[in-house]
Amino acid sequence: MTTLLFLTACGQFGDDDYGTDTLPTEEQLHVNIPIASDSAKSPSDPDDWATYYEGTRNVTEHVNGMITFVLGSVYLVTHTQKPSWVNDEKTEAQWGPYSDSGLDPVETGVRVTKNDDGSVSWAVFFVPNGGTVETDALNVAEGLVDAGSTRGEASGSFGVDFDTANSLDPAVNLAGQWEVMYAYDAEGVAAVATASNYGWENWPRIDAQYAYDEDYTGAGTMDLAYNKDVNWTGTDEIVTLRSRWQADGMGRGDATITGGDVADEVTSSECWGTDFKTSYWTDSIGLYDQV
C-alpha cells in the first residue's frame, strides 16, 4: 500500500461511472479531539497534561493514521489516476498495479465494483514481482460502501489484512487484522474499529475494540476496550476507557480494569479543562491523590 501514497496527481477523471463517488475520504471518518499544543504545557512541568486526555488523543491519532493510510491512498488513486482497465458496462474498474521501483517485492493496485444492489465494493491488492493480476493478486484491504450511500451521507465497512500484506512485502511491518464499520452524514461521524492480534511485527499483539461518535462542531465520545497484562503476572486483564469531550477541549475519562489477576474491579475517573490539565481525579485504589 505504500506505493499508492507516492503517486502524483495528474488530473481529475470522471468517477461516477465506476462507483467511486461514494468512497469515503479520510477526513470524513477522522475523529478530531481538540489538540493541546506544546505551548499549552506548563513550563515547570512538561508532562502535566491530563492522563486520559493524552491517552484518548494518542488512540484517536493512531486510528486516524490508519484511516488515512488506507482510505487516503484509495481515494487519491481513484480520483487522480486514470483506470488501467474498465469493463464494458463501466461498473468495474482497476487502477494499476503500480510499483515505486524494481526493488519493490510487490506491485499495488486498486479495484472498484459497482454492484447490482447499488453497493460499491473496493479492494487494494498486491501482485508479487513476476506474477500476474489474473493468477497471483491477493487482496490486502477490502471495503464495502452500502447501497443508497451518497457523497455526503454514507455507511459501510473496510478491513486490512496485515498478515497477508506483511507476508508479501516486509516493508509492511504490522501484523494482524483491522476492521472498521462507519456511518457519516452532514452532522457527524460514528465508527467502530476492531483490532485482532494486531501490532508491530516483532512486538506483543493486542485485541481491541474502539468506537467513537463525533459531531462536526468538535464534541465527541470514545470507547476503548483491550486486553493487557497490567500487573505483569502473565495473565491479561480487560482495560476499558470511555472519554467524552466538548468542542472547547474540556473533557472527562472513566477507566476500569477487570478480569485476569485483578480480584476486584479497579475504577478511575478524570476531568480536564480547556487547558488540558487535570481538574479532578479519583480512583478506587488510591493510586493518586485526589485533585
Protein backbone atom coordinates (compact mmCIF):
# COMPACT_ATOMS: atom_id res chain seq x y z
CA MET A 1 0.00 0.00 0.00
CA THR A 2 2.96 2.32 0.39
CA THR A 3 3.23 2.63 -3.38
CA LEU A 4 -0.15 4.35 -3.53
CA LEU A 5 0.97 7.13 -1.24
CA PHE A 6 3.66 8.33 -3.63
CA LEU A 7 1.55 8.69 -6.75
CA THR A 8 1.45 12.17 -8.23
CA ALA A 9 -1.90 13.70 -9.11
CA CYS A 10 -2.28 14.01 -12.86
CA GLY A 11 -5.75 15.46 -13.30
CA GLN A 12 -9.33 14.69 -12.35
CA PHE A 13 -11.25 11.93 -14.11
CA GLY A 14 -14.98 11.31 -14.12
CA ASP A 15 -15.62 8.88 -11.27
CA ASP A 16 -19.40 8.38 -11.38
CA ASP A 17 -19.22 5.53 -13.89
CA TYR A 18 -17.04 3.30 -11.78
CA GLY A 19 -18.81 3.64 -8.44
CA THR A 20 -16.01 5.61 -6.77
CA ASP A 21 -18.05 8.71 -5.98
CA THR A 22 -19.21 7.29 -2.62
CA LEU A 23 -15.80 6.06 -1.45
CA PRO A 24 -15.17 7.85 1.86
CA THR A 25 -12.32 10.30 2.29
CA GLU A 26 -10.14 10.07 5.37
CA GLU A 27 -11.42 13.45 6.59
CA GLN A 28 -14.99 12.15 6.70
CA LEU A 29 -14.02 9.34 9.10
CA HIS A 30 -11.45 11.10 11.26
CA VAL A 31 -12.24 11.80 14.90
CA ASN A 32 -10.84 15.19 15.79
CA ILE A 33 -10.35 15.62 19.51
CA PRO A 34 -9.16 19.16 20.35
CA ILE A 35 -5.37 19.14 20.44
CA ALA A 36 -3.16 20.77 23.04
CA SER A 37 -0.01 22.29 21.63
CA ASP A 38 3.38 22.20 23.31
CA SER A 39 2.79 25.80 24.39
CA ALA A 40 -0.21 24.62 26.44
CA LYS A 41 2.07 22.65 28.76
CA SER A 42 3.32 24.17 31.97
CA PRO A 43 6.95 25.39 31.65
CA SER A 44 7.67 23.94 35.10
CA ASP A 45 6.14 20.54 34.36
CA PRO A 46 6.26 19.44 30.70
CA ASP A 47 4.23 16.31 31.43
CA ASP A 48 1.17 17.74 33.14
CA TRP A 49 -1.46 17.08 30.50
CA ALA A 50 -4.36 15.02 31.82
CA THR A 51 -3.62 11.29 31.64
CA TYR A 52 -6.86 10.30 29.93
CA TYR A 53 -6.74 13.29 27.59
CA GLU A 54 -3.33 12.14 26.37
CA GLY A 55 -4.48 8.52 26.15
CA THR A 56 -7.56 9.48 24.16
CA ARG A 57 -5.57 11.70 21.85
CA ASN A 58 -2.93 9.03 21.21
CA VAL A 59 -5.55 6.38 20.37
CA THR A 60 -7.55 8.66 18.08
CA GLU A 61 -4.40 9.78 16.28
CA HIS A 62 -3.39 6.15 15.69
CA VAL A 63 -6.82 5.28 14.30
CA ASN A 64 -6.84 8.43 12.19
CA GLY A 65 -3.44 7.45 10.82
CA MET A 66 -4.74 4.01 9.89
CA ILE A 67 -7.76 5.52 8.15
CA THR A 68 -5.55 7.97 6.27
CA PHE A 69 -3.13 5.23 5.21
CA VAL A 70 -5.87 3.09 3.70
CA LEU A 71 -8.68 5.40 2.59
CA GLY A 72 -6.40 8.28 1.67
CA SER A 73 -4.45 6.06 -0.68
CA VAL A 74 -7.54 4.56 -2.31
CA TYR A 75 -9.24 7.93 -2.72
CA LEU A 76 -6.09 9.51 -4.15
CA VAL A 77 -5.63 6.82 -6.76
CA THR A 78 -9.25 6.56 -7.86
CA HIS A 79 -9.73 10.32 -8.11
CA THR A 80 -6.45 11.44 -9.68
CA GLN A 81 -5.41 8.50 -11.86
CA LYS A 82 -7.00 7.13 -15.00
CA PRO A 83 -8.08 3.48 -14.63
CA SER A 84 -5.86 0.94 -16.34
CA TRP A 85 -8.92 -1.20 -17.13
CA VAL A 86 -12.70 -0.68 -17.19
CA ASN A 87 -15.33 -3.26 -18.09
CA ASP A 88 -17.78 -2.62 -20.93
CA GLU A 89 -20.62 -1.68 -18.57
CA LYS A 90 -18.35 0.79 -16.69
CA THR A 91 -19.34 -0.82 -13.41
CA GLU A 92 -15.90 -2.23 -12.63
CA ALA A 93 -12.50 -0.57 -12.87
CA GLN A 94 -8.91 -1.28 -11.94
CA TRP A 95 -6.05 1.07 -11.23
CA GLY A 96 -2.52 -0.22 -11.58
CA PRO A 97 -0.79 -2.30 -10.46
CA TYR A 98 1.92 0.24 -9.67
CA SER A 99 5.48 -0.08 -8.40
CA ASP A 100 7.87 2.51 -6.99
CA SER A 101 10.96 0.75 -8.33
CA GLY A 102 12.38 -2.60 -9.32
CA LEU A 103 13.33 -3.16 -5.69
CA ASP A 104 9.70 -3.45 -4.63
CA PRO A 105 8.72 -7.08 -3.97
CA VAL A 106 5.14 -6.30 -4.99
CA GLU A 107 3.09 -4.13 -7.28
CA THR A 108 -0.02 -2.48 -5.82
CA GLY A 109 -3.41 -1.94 -7.40
CA VAL A 110 -6.99 -0.93 -6.63
CA ARG A 111 -10.26 -2.41 -7.85
CA VAL A 112 -13.72 -0.83 -7.54
CA THR A 113 -17.00 -2.55 -8.45
CA LYS A 114 -20.50 -1.07 -8.58
CA ASN A 115 -22.73 -3.98 -7.53
CA ASP A 116 -26.22 -4.73 -8.84
CA ASP A 117 -27.81 -3.85 -5.48
CA GLY A 118 -26.31 -0.35 -5.54
CA SER A 119 -23.50 -1.04 -3.10
CA VAL A 120 -19.86 -0.48 -4.07
CA SER A 121 -17.03 -2.92 -3.34
CA TRP A 122 -13.38 -1.95 -3.40
CA ALA A 123 -10.07 -3.65 -2.73
CA VAL A 124 -6.35 -2.94 -2.56
CA PHE A 125 -4.31 -5.84 -3.92
CA PHE A 126 -0.66 -6.88 -4.09
CA VAL A 127 0.90 -8.73 -7.00
CA PRO A 128 4.29 -10.37 -6.25
CA ASN A 129 7.08 -9.41 -8.60
CA GLY A 130 6.94 -11.63 -11.66
CA GLY A 131 3.30 -12.54 -11.07
CA THR A 132 0.14 -11.53 -12.87
CA VAL A 133 -3.05 -9.87 -11.68
CA GLU A 134 -5.13 -12.74 -13.04
CA THR A 135 -3.34 -15.53 -11.15
CA ASP A 136 -1.32 -14.01 -8.31
CA ALA A 137 -3.10 -10.93 -6.95
CA LEU A 138 -4.03 -11.06 -3.26
CA ASN A 139 -6.27 -8.54 -1.52
CA VAL A 140 -4.69 -6.80 1.47
CA ALA A 141 -7.61 -4.42 2.08
CA GLU A 142 -11.28 -4.72 1.18
CA GLY A 143 -14.23 -2.41 1.65
CA LEU A 144 -17.94 -2.07 1.01
CA VAL A 145 -19.99 1.12 0.68
CA ASP A 146 -23.62 0.34 1.46
CA ALA A 147 -26.37 0.77 -1.12
CA GLY A 148 -28.04 4.17 -1.00
CA SER A 149 -24.87 5.97 0.09
CA THR A 150 -24.04 9.39 -1.31
CA ARG A 151 -21.01 11.65 -1.15
CA GLY A 152 -22.40 13.46 1.89
CA GLU A 153 -24.20 10.62 3.69
CA ALA A 154 -22.92 7.05 3.69
CA SER A 155 -22.26 3.90 5.65
CA GLY A 156 -20.01 0.95 5.04
CA SER A 157 -17.05 -1.07 6.25
CA PHE A 158 -13.47 -1.95 5.39
CA GLY A 159 -10.76 -4.25 6.64
CA VAL A 160 -7.00 -4.61 6.35
CA ASP A 161 -5.18 -7.93 6.41
CA PHE A 162 -1.71 -7.01 7.65
CA ASP A 163 -0.66 -10.66 7.86
CA THR A 164 -1.09 -11.07 4.10
CA ALA A 165 0.47 -7.68 3.37
CA ASN A 166 3.48 -8.44 5.57
CA SER A 167 3.98 -11.89 4.02
CA LEU A 168 4.28 -10.27 0.58
CA ASP A 169 6.12 -7.08 1.49
CA PRO A 170 8.44 -6.92 4.52
CA ALA A 171 8.20 -3.12 4.48
CA VAL A 172 4.71 -3.59 5.93
CA ASN A 173 5.92 -4.34 9.45
CA LEU A 174 2.49 -4.58 11.06
CA ALA A 175 0.60 -7.82 11.64
CA GLY A 176 -2.94 -8.88 12.45
CA GLN A 177 -6.32 -7.71 11.25
CA TRP A 178 -8.05 -4.35 11.35
CA GLU A 179 -11.77 -3.85 10.61
CA VAL A 180 -13.87 -0.68 10.61
CA MET A 181 -17.62 -0.09 10.33
CA TYR A 182 -18.69 3.52 9.80
CA ALA A 183 -21.55 5.90 9.09
CA TYR A 184 -21.50 9.64 8.48
CA ASP A 185 -23.80 12.44 7.40
CA ALA A 186 -23.79 16.22 7.37
CA GLU A 187 -23.79 16.40 11.18
CA GLY A 188 -21.10 13.94 12.19
CA VAL A 189 -19.50 10.52 12.06
CA ALA A 190 -19.68 7.29 14.06
CA ALA A 191 -17.45 4.26 13.67
CA VAL A 192 -16.35 1.04 15.34
CA ALA A 193 -12.84 -0.31 14.77
CA THR A 194 -11.76 -3.81 15.82
CA ALA A 195 -8.13 -4.94 16.01
CA SER A 196 -7.37 -8.66 16.17
CA ASN A 197 -3.88 -9.90 17.07
CA TYR A 198 -2.72 -6.50 15.89
CA GLY A 199 0.63 -4.80 16.41
CA TRP A 200 4.16 -4.35 15.19
CA GLU A 201 5.62 -7.48 13.66
CA ASN A 202 8.06 -8.33 16.47
CA TRP A 203 6.17 -6.78 19.39
CA PRO A 204 3.34 -8.04 21.61
CA ARG A 205 -0.05 -8.03 19.85
CA ILE A 206 -3.36 -6.77 21.14
CA ASP A 207 -7.05 -7.45 20.69
CA ALA A 208 -9.00 -4.23 20.98
CA GLN A 209 -12.23 -2.54 20.04
CA TYR A 210 -12.58 1.18 19.58
CA ALA A 211 -15.79 3.15 18.99
CA TYR A 212 -16.26 6.85 18.51
CA ASP A 213 -19.04 9.29 17.79
CA GLU A 214 -18.33 12.91 16.92
CA ASP A 215 -20.34 15.81 15.61
CA TYR A 216 -18.58 18.14 13.23
CA THR A 217 -18.74 21.00 15.74
CA GLY A 218 -15.99 19.17 17.65
CA ALA A 219 -17.72 17.41 20.56
CA GLY A 220 -17.42 13.64 20.74
CA THR A 221 -17.07 10.39 22.66
CA MET A 222 -14.63 7.48 22.51
CA ASP A 223 -14.92 3.99 23.96
CA LEU A 224 -11.89 1.71 24.03
CA ALA A 225 -11.52 -1.84 25.34
CA TYR A 226 -8.41 -4.01 25.09
CA ASN A 227 -6.53 -6.87 26.73
CA LYS A 228 -3.35 -6.08 28.65
CA ASP A 229 -1.32 -7.65 31.44
CA VAL A 230 -1.40 -4.57 33.65
CA ASN A 231 0.28 -6.17 36.68
CA TRP A 232 2.91 -8.17 34.76
CA THR A 233 1.84 -11.60 36.01
CA GLY A 234 1.41 -13.23 32.61
CA THR A 235 -2.39 -13.02 32.57
CA ASP A 236 -4.27 -10.38 30.61
CA GLU A 237 -6.83 -8.12 32.19
CA ILE A 238 -9.57 -6.21 30.37
CA VAL A 239 -8.98 -2.46 30.27
CA THR A 240 -11.70 -0.02 29.22
CA LEU A 241 -11.67 3.74 28.76
CA ARG A 242 -14.66 5.93 27.98
CA SER A 243 -13.83 9.52 27.06
CA ARG A 244 -16.04 12.40 26.06
CA TRP A 245 -15.13 15.96 25.24
CA GLN A 246 -16.61 19.28 24.24
CA ALA A 247 -15.63 21.39 21.27
CA ASP A 248 -13.56 23.70 23.51
CA GLY A 249 -11.40 20.77 24.67
CA MET A 250 -12.88 20.23 28.13
CA GLY A 251 -13.49 16.54 28.78
CA ARG A 252 -13.67 13.52 31.05
CA GLY A 253 -12.34 9.95 31.02
CA ASP A 254 -13.53 6.93 33.03
CA ALA A 255 -11.47 3.73 33.11
CA THR A 256 -11.91 0.23 34.51
CA ILE A 257 -9.67 -2.81 34.91
CA THR A 258 -11.32 -6.21 35.40
CA GLY A 259 -10.59 -9.92 34.99
CA GLY A 260 -7.25 -11.66 34.93
CA ASP A 261 -5.49 -11.46 38.29
CA VAL A 262 -7.44 -8.42 39.44
CA ALA A 263 -9.72 -9.65 42.21
CA ASP A 264 -11.83 -6.50 42.46
CA GLU A 265 -12.67 -4.12 39.66
CA VAL A 266 -10.41 -1.07 39.61
CA THR A 267 -12.04 2.19 38.54
CA SER A 268 -10.76 5.71 37.96
CA SER A 269 -12.18 8.97 36.66
CA GLU A 270 -10.50 12.15 35.49
CA CYS A 271 -11.77 15.51 34.28
CA TRP A 272 -9.70 18.05 32.36
CA GLY A 273 -10.28 21.68 31.50
CA THR A 274 -9.77 23.74 28.38
CA ASP A 275 -6.06 23.87 29.31
CA PHE A 276 -5.98 20.02 29.02
CA LYS A 277 -4.74 19.71 32.61
CA THR A 278 -6.37 17.50 35.24
CA SER A 279 -9.11 19.34 37.14
CA TYR A 280 -10.39 16.27 39.01
CA TRP A 281 -9.15 12.75 39.67
CA THR A 282 -10.42 9.82 41.72
CA ASP A 283 -9.72 6.10 41.71
CA SER A 284 -10.72 3.09 43.76
CA ILE A 285 -7.24 2.11 44.96
CA GLY A 286 -5.74 5.45 45.92
CA LEU A 287 -3.30 5.43 43.04
CA TYR A 288 -3.05 9.23 43.02
CA ASP A 289 -4.08 11.90 45.45
CA GLN A 290 -7.41 13.42 44.52
CA VAL A 291 -7.19 16.70 42.67
